[in-house]
Amino acid sequence: MPARLLTVYQAAELLGTSVRFPRRLIEERRITFVKVGRHVRIPEPAIAAYIENNTVQPVERRYGKVA
């Protein structure tokens, strides 16, 4: 089954942002999108990939003696 295609509004809701943010991602070609006629859709896996690629892992601090 093909991936679910989300509207810009649905993508914004998933990302927890305004609609302007996914539109900017599309304009800057920073996320995969599909043109369906004049409509723009974002595949759901593209949102998951964007989140994974932009997730910053915490730095583990090491406490100890400094030489």
C-alpha atoms as a PDB file:
ATOM      1  CA  MET A   1       0.000   0.000   0.000  1.00  0.00           C
ATOM      2  CA  PRO A   2       1.391   3.462  -0.878  1.00  0.00           C
ATOM      3  CA  ALA A   3       2.369   5.884   1.883  1.00  0.00           C
ATOM      4  CA  ARG A   4      -0.330   8.162   3.229  1.00  0.00           C
ATOM      5  CA  LEU A   5      -0.095  11.635   1.681  1.00  0.00           C
ATOM      6  CA  LEU A   6      -0.631  14.497   4.101  1.00  0.00           C
ATOM      7  CA  THR A   7      -1.798  18.002   3.415  1.00  0.00           C
ATOM      8  CA  VAL A   8       0.400  20.869   4.537  1.00  0.00           C
ATOM      9  CA  TYR A   9      -2.037  21.435   7.418  1.00  0.00           C
ATOM     10  CA  GLN A  10      -1.794  17.802   8.543  1.00  0.00           C
ATOM     11  CA  ALA A  11       2.010  17.911   8.308  1.00  0.00           C
ATOM     12  CA  ALA A  12       2.069  21.081  10.420  1.00  0.00           C
ATOM     13  CA  GLU A  13      -0.109  19.403  13.028  1.00  0.00           C
ATOM     14  CA  LEU A  14       2.202  16.367  13.169  1.00  0.00           C
ATOM     15  CA  LEU A  15       5.237  18.622  13.538  1.00  0.00           C
ATOM     16  CA  GLY A  16       3.510  20.823  16.085  1.00  0.00           C
ATOM     17  CA  THR A  17       4.182  23.959  14.051  1.00  0.00           C
ATOM     18  CA  SER A  18       2.292  26.548  12.082  1.00  0.00           C
ATOM     19  CA  VAL A  19       1.413  25.837   8.446  1.00  0.00           C
ATOM     20  CA  ARG A  20       4.123  28.246   7.371  1.00  0.00           C
ATOM     21  CA  PHE A  21       6.923  25.906   8.520  1.00  0.00           C
ATOM     22  CA  PRO A  22       6.133  22.893   6.265  1.00  0.00           C
ATOM     23  CA  ARG A  23       5.485  25.304   3.395  1.00  0.00           C
ATOM     24  CA  ARG A  24       8.957  26.744   3.914  1.00  0.00           C
ATOM     25  CA  LEU A  25      10.441  23.215   4.007  1.00  0.00           C
ATOM     26  CA  ILE A  26       8.785  22.529   0.664  1.00  0.00           C
ATOM     27  CA  GLU A  27       9.893  25.829  -0.860  1.00  0.00           C
ATOM     28  CA  GLU A  28      13.497  25.238   0.246  1.00  0.00           C
ATOM     29  CA  ARG A  29      13.325  21.603  -0.967  1.00  0.00           C
ATOM     30  CA  ARG A  30      14.276  20.350   2.505  1.00  0.00           C
ATOM     31  CA  ILE A  31      11.528  17.707   2.604  1.00  0.00           C
ATOM     32  CA  THR A  32      10.128  15.241   0.069  1.00  0.00           C
ATOM     33  CA  PHE A  33       6.793  16.266  -1.391  1.00  0.00           C
ATOM     34  CA  VAL A  34       4.409  15.174  -4.133  1.00  0.00           C
ATOM     35  CA  LYS A  35       2.547  17.363  -6.583  1.00  0.00           C
ATOM     36  CA  VAL A  36      -0.990  16.099  -7.192  1.00  0.00           C
ATOM     37  CA  GLY A  37      -2.199  18.425  -9.887  1.00  0.00           C
ATOM     38  CA  ARG A  38      -1.839  21.836  -8.287  1.00  0.00           C
ATOM     39  CA  HIS A  39      -1.958  20.409  -4.767  1.00  0.00           C
ATOM     40  CA  VAL A  40       1.108  19.640  -2.673  1.00  0.00           C
ATOM     41  CA  ARG A  41       1.194  16.584  -0.434  1.00  0.00           C
ATOM     42  CA  ILE A  42       3.866  15.295   1.920  1.00  0.00           C
ATOM     43  CA  PRO A  43       4.306  11.539   2.345  1.00  0.00           C
ATOM     44  CA  GLU A  44       3.961  10.527   5.989  1.00  0.00           C
ATOM     45  CA  PRO A  45       7.349   8.706   5.963  1.00  0.00           C
ATOM     46  CA  ALA A  46       8.987  11.981   4.835  1.00  0.00           C
ATOM     47  CA  ILE A  47       7.767  13.650   8.033  1.00  0.00           C
ATOM     48  CA  ALA A  48       9.156  10.783  10.128  1.00  0.00           C
ATOM     49  CA  ALA A  49      12.488  10.968   8.257  1.00  0.00           C
ATOM     50  CA  TYR A  50      12.669  14.737   8.740  1.00  0.00           C
ATOM     51  CA  ILE A  51      12.094  14.348  12.475  1.00  0.00           C
ATOM     52  CA  GLU A  52      14.697  11.588  12.761  1.00  0.00           C
ATOM     53  CA  ASN A  53      17.304  13.483  10.723  1.00  0.00           C
ATOM     54  CA  ASN A  54      16.855  16.632  12.797  1.00  0.00           C
ATOM     55  CA  THR A  55      16.693  15.047  16.227  1.00  0.00           C
ATOM     56  CA  VAL A  56      19.583  16.148  18.411  1.00  0.00           C
ATOM     57  CA  GLN A  57      20.720  13.572  20.917  1.00  0.00           C
ATOM     58  CA  PRO A  58      21.657  14.743  24.416  1.00  0.00           C
ATOM     59  CA  VAL A  59      25.308  15.045  25.296  1.00  0.00           C
ATOM     60  CA  GLU A  60      26.404  12.776  28.084  1.00  0.00           C
ATOM     61  CA  ARG A  61      28.386  14.744  30.617  1.00  0.00           C
ATOM     62  CA  ARG A  62      31.284  13.083  32.298  1.00  0.00           C
ATOM     63  CA  TYR A  63      32.102  14.369  35.712  1.00  0.00           C
ATOM     64  CA  GLY A  64      35.555  13.677  37.016  1.00  0.00           C
ATOM     65  CA  LYS A  65      38.945  15.114  37.617  1.00  0.00           C
ATOM     66  CA  VAL A  66      40.387  17.479  35.068  1.00  0.00           C
ATOM     67  CA  ALA A  67      44.092  16.893  34.539  1.00  0.00           C
END
